Protein backbone atom coordinates (compact mmCIF):
# COMPACT_ATOMS: atom_id res chain seq x y z
CA UNK A 1 33.24 5.87 9.22
CA UNK A 2 30.70 3.52 7.62
CA UNK A 3 30.77 3.41 3.82
CA UNK A 4 27.38 4.16 2.29
CA UNK A 5 25.47 1.33 0.60
CA UNK A 6 22.65 1.67 -1.96
CA UNK A 7 20.67 -1.43 -2.92
CA UNK A 8 18.18 -1.62 -5.77
CA UNK A 9 15.32 -4.07 -5.20
CA UNK A 10 13.69 -4.68 -8.57
CA UNK A 11 10.92 -6.80 -7.02
CA UNK A 12 8.93 -8.67 -9.74
CA UNK A 13 9.90 -6.40 -12.60
CA UNK A 14 12.09 -6.72 -15.67
CA UNK A 15 12.65 -8.49 -18.98
CA UNK A 16 15.81 -9.44 -20.84
CA UNK A 17 15.49 -6.44 -23.14
CA UNK A 18 14.59 -3.90 -20.45
CA UNK A 19 17.26 -5.20 -18.09
CA UNK A 20 19.97 -4.82 -20.70
CA UNK A 21 19.12 -1.18 -21.30
CA UNK A 22 18.98 -0.45 -17.56
CA UNK A 23 22.15 -2.30 -16.59
CA UNK A 24 24.26 -0.94 -19.43
CA UNK A 25 23.16 2.57 -18.47
CA UNK A 26 23.88 2.00 -14.79
CA UNK A 27 27.32 0.61 -15.58
CA UNK A 28 28.11 3.85 -17.39
CA UNK A 29 26.57 6.16 -14.77
CA UNK A 30 27.67 4.65 -11.44
CA UNK A 31 31.31 5.48 -10.86
CA UNK A 32 33.75 4.08 -8.27
CA UNK A 33 33.65 6.07 -5.07
CA UNK A 34 32.67 6.20 -1.44
CA UNK A 35 29.48 4.15 -1.93
CA UNK A 36 28.81 0.45 -2.54
CA UNK A 37 26.03 -0.34 -5.03
CA UNK A 38 24.00 -3.54 -5.38
CA UNK A 39 21.14 -4.51 -7.69
CA UNK A 40 18.75 -7.35 -6.85
CA UNK A 41 16.89 -8.63 -9.93
CA UNK A 42 14.40 -11.53 -9.94
CA UNK A 43 16.00 -15.00 -9.98
CA UNK A 44 15.73 -15.59 -13.77
CA UNK A 45 17.83 -12.50 -14.49
CA UNK A 46 20.69 -13.00 -12.02
CA UNK A 47 23.00 -14.50 -14.66
CA UNK A 48 22.21 -11.72 -17.11
CA UNK A 49 23.00 -9.10 -14.47
CA UNK A 50 26.26 -10.85 -13.57
CA UNK A 51 27.34 -10.90 -17.21
CA UNK A 52 26.46 -7.27 -17.94
CA UNK A 53 27.97 -5.90 -14.73
CA UNK A 54 31.16 -7.97 -14.81
CA UNK A 55 34.22 -5.81 -14.24
CA UNK A 56 32.16 -2.86 -13.01
CA UNK A 57 31.50 -1.47 -9.55
CA UNK A 58 27.94 -2.76 -9.13
CA UNK A 59 27.39 -6.04 -7.27
CA UNK A 60 24.48 -8.44 -7.71
CA UNK A 61 22.18 -9.78 -5.01
CA UNK A 62 19.00 -11.82 -4.76
CA UNK A 63 15.65 -10.88 -3.27
CA UNK A 64 15.16 -13.97 -1.13
CA UNK A 65 16.55 -17.39 -0.27
CA UNK A 66 15.47 -20.62 1.36
CA UNK A 67 16.22 -21.39 4.98
CA UNK A 68 17.24 -24.88 3.80
CA UNK A 69 20.46 -25.93 2.09
CA UNK A 70 18.97 -28.49 -0.31
CA UNK A 71 16.26 -31.11 -0.64
CA UNK A 72 12.60 -31.55 -1.54
CA UNK A 73 11.62 -27.87 -1.42
CA UNK A 74 9.98 -27.24 -4.77
CA UNK A 75 10.33 -23.67 -5.98
CA UNK A 76 12.96 -22.70 -3.39
CA UNK A 77 16.50 -21.44 -4.04
CA UNK A 78 19.31 -22.03 -1.54
CA UNK A 79 22.08 -19.70 -0.49
CA UNK A 80 24.65 -22.06 -2.02
CA UNK A 81 22.86 -21.81 -5.37
CA UNK A 82 22.92 -18.03 -5.17
CA UNK A 83 26.63 -18.03 -4.40
CA UNK A 84 27.18 -20.47 -7.26
CA UNK A 85 25.43 -18.02 -9.59
CA UNK A 86 27.73 -15.20 -8.48
CA UNK A 87 25.61 -13.40 -5.92
CA UNK A 88 27.26 -11.63 -3.00
CA UNK A 89 24.13 -10.25 -1.31
CA UNK A 90 20.59 -11.31 -0.48
CA UNK A 91 17.57 -9.44 0.88
CA UNK A 92 15.93 -11.25 3.81
CA UNK A 93 12.59 -10.59 5.50
CA UNK A 94 11.26 -7.89 3.20
CA UNK A 95 7.86 -6.71 4.44
CA UNK A 96 6.22 -8.07 1.30
CA UNK A 97 7.59 -11.52 2.12
CA UNK A 98 6.48 -11.19 5.73
CA UNK A 99 2.93 -10.12 4.84
CA UNK A 100 2.18 -11.95 1.57
CA UNK A 101 4.16 -15.12 2.26
CA UNK A 102 3.69 -15.42 6.01
CA UNK A 103 7.37 -15.23 6.91
CA UNK A 104 7.42 -14.97 10.70
CA UNK A 105 10.38 -13.62 12.65
CA UNK A 106 11.71 -17.14 13.26
CA UNK A 107 11.70 -17.95 9.54
CA UNK A 108 13.47 -14.70 8.76
CA UNK A 109 16.11 -15.46 11.40
CA UNK A 110 16.71 -18.91 9.90
CA UNK A 111 17.15 -17.33 6.48
CA UNK A 112 19.71 -14.86 7.83
CA UNK A 113 21.63 -17.81 9.27
CA UNK A 114 21.40 -19.68 5.94
CA UNK A 115 22.70 -16.63 4.08
CA UNK A 116 25.69 -16.27 6.40
CA UNK A 117 26.43 -19.99 6.22
CA UNK A 118 26.53 -19.69 2.42
CA UNK A 119 28.90 -16.73 2.41
CA UNK A 120 26.25 -14.20 1.41
CA UNK A 121 25.81 -10.77 3.01
CA UNK A 122 22.21 -10.61 4.25
CA UNK A 123 20.23 -7.38 4.13
CA UNK A 124 17.76 -7.85 6.98
CA UNK A 125 14.54 -5.87 6.59
CA UNK A 126 12.68 -4.66 9.66
CA UNK A 127 9.83 -2.21 10.05
CA UNK A 128 6.36 -1.46 11.35
CA UNK A 129 2.94 -0.98 9.78
CA UNK A 130 1.04 2.29 9.96
CA UNK A 131 -1.32 0.78 12.55
CA UNK A 132 1.65 -0.21 14.72
CA UNK A 133 3.25 3.22 14.42
CA UNK A 134 0.02 5.01 15.28
CA UNK A 135 -0.49 2.58 18.16
CA UNK A 136 2.87 3.60 19.63
CA UNK A 137 4.46 0.15 19.32
CA UNK A 138 6.81 0.74 16.35
CA UNK A 139 9.94 0.33 18.48
CA UNK A 140 8.52 -2.80 20.14
CA UNK A 141 7.88 -4.37 16.74
CA UNK A 142 11.30 -3.53 15.33
CA UNK A 143 13.01 -4.59 18.55
CA UNK A 144 11.29 -7.99 18.42
CA UNK A 145 12.32 -8.48 14.79
CA UNK A 146 15.94 -7.79 15.74
CA UNK A 147 15.76 -10.02 18.82
CA UNK A 148 14.64 -12.99 16.74
CA UNK A 149 17.74 -12.72 14.54
CA UNK A 150 20.23 -12.10 17.35
CA UNK A 151 18.88 -15.09 19.29
CA UNK A 152 19.44 -17.43 16.32
CA UNK A 153 22.56 -15.98 14.72
CA UNK A 154 24.36 -14.59 17.74
CA UNK A 155 25.74 -11.12 18.42
CA UNK A 156 29.10 -11.72 16.75
CA UNK A 157 27.68 -12.72 13.37
CA UNK A 158 24.93 -10.10 13.44
CA UNK A 159 27.68 -7.49 13.27
CA UNK A 160 28.19 -8.53 9.62
CA UNK A 161 24.48 -8.19 8.74
CA UNK A 162 23.15 -5.07 7.00
CA UNK A 163 19.86 -3.87 8.50
CA UNK A 164 17.28 -2.11 6.33
CA UNK A 165 14.61 -0.15 8.16
CA UNK A 166 11.51 -0.02 5.96
CA UNK A 167 8.40 1.50 7.49
CA UNK A 168 5.73 -0.62 5.80
CA UNK A 169 3.45 2.38 5.44
CA UNK A 170 6.04 4.13 3.24
CA UNK A 171 6.79 1.30 0.78
CA UNK A 172 5.47 2.04 -2.69
CA UNK A 173 3.00 4.57 -1.32
CA UNK A 174 4.84 7.75 -2.17
CA UNK A 175 4.93 8.51 1.55
CA UNK A 176 8.31 8.75 3.21
CA UNK A 177 9.29 8.96 6.83
CA UNK A 178 10.74 12.39 7.48
CA UNK A 179 14.53 12.41 7.83
CA UNK A 180 13.98 12.99 11.56
CA UNK A 181 11.60 10.03 11.90
CA UNK A 182 13.98 7.79 9.98
CA UNK A 183 17.00 8.92 12.00
CA UNK A 184 15.17 8.31 15.27
CA UNK A 185 14.39 4.70 14.31
CA UNK A 186 17.88 4.10 12.93
CA UNK A 187 19.38 5.36 16.20
CA UNK A 188 16.98 3.09 18.10
CA UNK A 189 18.05 0.09 16.00
CA UNK A 190 21.72 0.78 16.65
CA UNK A 191 21.07 1.18 20.36
CA UNK A 192 19.10 -2.10 20.39
CA UNK A 193 21.99 -3.92 18.77
CA UNK A 194 24.45 -2.48 21.29
CA UNK A 195 22.27 -3.69 24.17
CA UNK A 196 22.32 -7.17 22.64
CA UNK A 197 26.11 -7.25 22.50
CA UNK A 198 26.49 -6.44 18.81
CA UNK A 199 29.40 -4.26 17.64
CA UNK A 200 26.79 -1.94 16.19
CA UNK A 201 28.94 1.06 15.27
CA UNK A 202 30.12 -0.90 12.25
CA UNK A 203 26.67 -2.11 11.19
CA UNK A 204 25.18 -0.43 8.14
CA UNK A 205 21.52 0.58 8.60
CA UNK A 206 19.72 1.48 5.39
CA UNK A 207 16.46 3.34 4.94
CA UNK A 208 13.85 1.84 2.62
CA UNK A 209 10.53 3.46 1.83
CA UNK A 210 9.86 5.47 -1.35
CA UNK A 211 13.45 6.73 -1.59
CA UNK A 212 13.98 9.08 -4.54
CA UNK A 213 16.70 11.34 -5.88
CA UNK A 214 14.80 14.25 -4.32
CA UNK A 215 14.63 13.02 -0.72
CA UNK A 216 17.86 10.99 -0.68
CA UNK A 217 20.25 13.87 0.21
CA UNK A 218 18.24 14.81 3.30
CA UNK A 219 18.00 11.19 4.43
CA UNK A 220 21.71 10.53 3.88
CA UNK A 221 22.66 13.61 5.89
CA UNK A 222 21.54 11.89 9.10
CA UNK A 223 24.30 10.22 11.16
CA UNK A 224 22.71 6.78 11.47
CA UNK A 225 21.35 6.45 7.91
CA UNK A 226 24.03 4.57 5.99
CA UNK A 227 22.32 4.26 2.63
CA UNK A 228 19.09 3.06 1.09
CA UNK A 229 17.11 0.05 -0.03
CA UNK A 230 15.47 1.44 -3.17
CA UNK A 231 12.37 0.02 -4.83
CA UNK A 232 10.71 1.67 -7.81
CA UNK A 233 13.42 4.27 -8.35
CA UNK A 234 15.97 1.48 -8.92
CA UNK A 235 14.25 0.67 -12.24
CA UNK A 236 15.19 4.05 -13.74
CA UNK A 237 18.89 4.50 -14.46
CA UNK A 238 18.95 8.26 -13.99
CA UNK A 239 17.03 8.18 -10.72
CA UNK A 240 18.97 5.30 -9.21
CA UNK A 241 22.35 6.71 -10.22
CA UNK A 242 21.35 10.06 -8.71
CA UNK A 243 20.57 8.32 -5.40
CA UNK A 244 23.98 6.64 -5.56
CA UNK A 245 25.61 10.00 -6.23
CA UNK A 246 23.79 11.53 -3.26
CA UNK A 247 25.09 8.74 -1.05
CA UNK A 248 28.63 9.25 -2.31
CA UNK A 249 28.40 12.98 -1.65
CA UNK A 250 27.03 12.69 1.89
């Protein structure tokens, strides 16, 4: 049975004062159990998060990394640097990176490889836009995003990657795929991985797209939904801890 995983993506939010209040509260609310919990603050706050969460059950991850190990890449942060700062996880290929920063499938695949090479657990984001879903090509889009990673990383290493399905049309919009829609795509992703030689029954597939404490129990009840990549709700201790509790109870 796959252990549930809940990841909080803070995006470009936070301050030293606000973070302290949030992290201290989360440390008190999130208890050890049948769910793994990760928070991903912006780069400047990684050390603060490490210090405040030390000895607790919540791990720290980053929101992005460079595909390169070192060199003349101004403004970039390597996987080795993230590991050196105490990170265990990193989000790769979030839809906002793909759309706003032009990260094509090949770039995302290279970043997954860089994360693995650095000893980080990558959380690979895949998903379709509303136009693609309405055009009937959602599975084609997601399948291509997976193919790009498998072709670079290989089926054996992909088995250690966490996949996060995030329908772009449901991110920050208040819209959420129904539990049935999400389950159908999660099952498709697992089947795709199996066809590509990946030991997919052990791969965690998270749902990301306006996850809240209200809809989390229904989402987590589905057999192929192994947790959540949480955006806005991860900035509120009560809401995020309730999502974690729902995952633990499912």
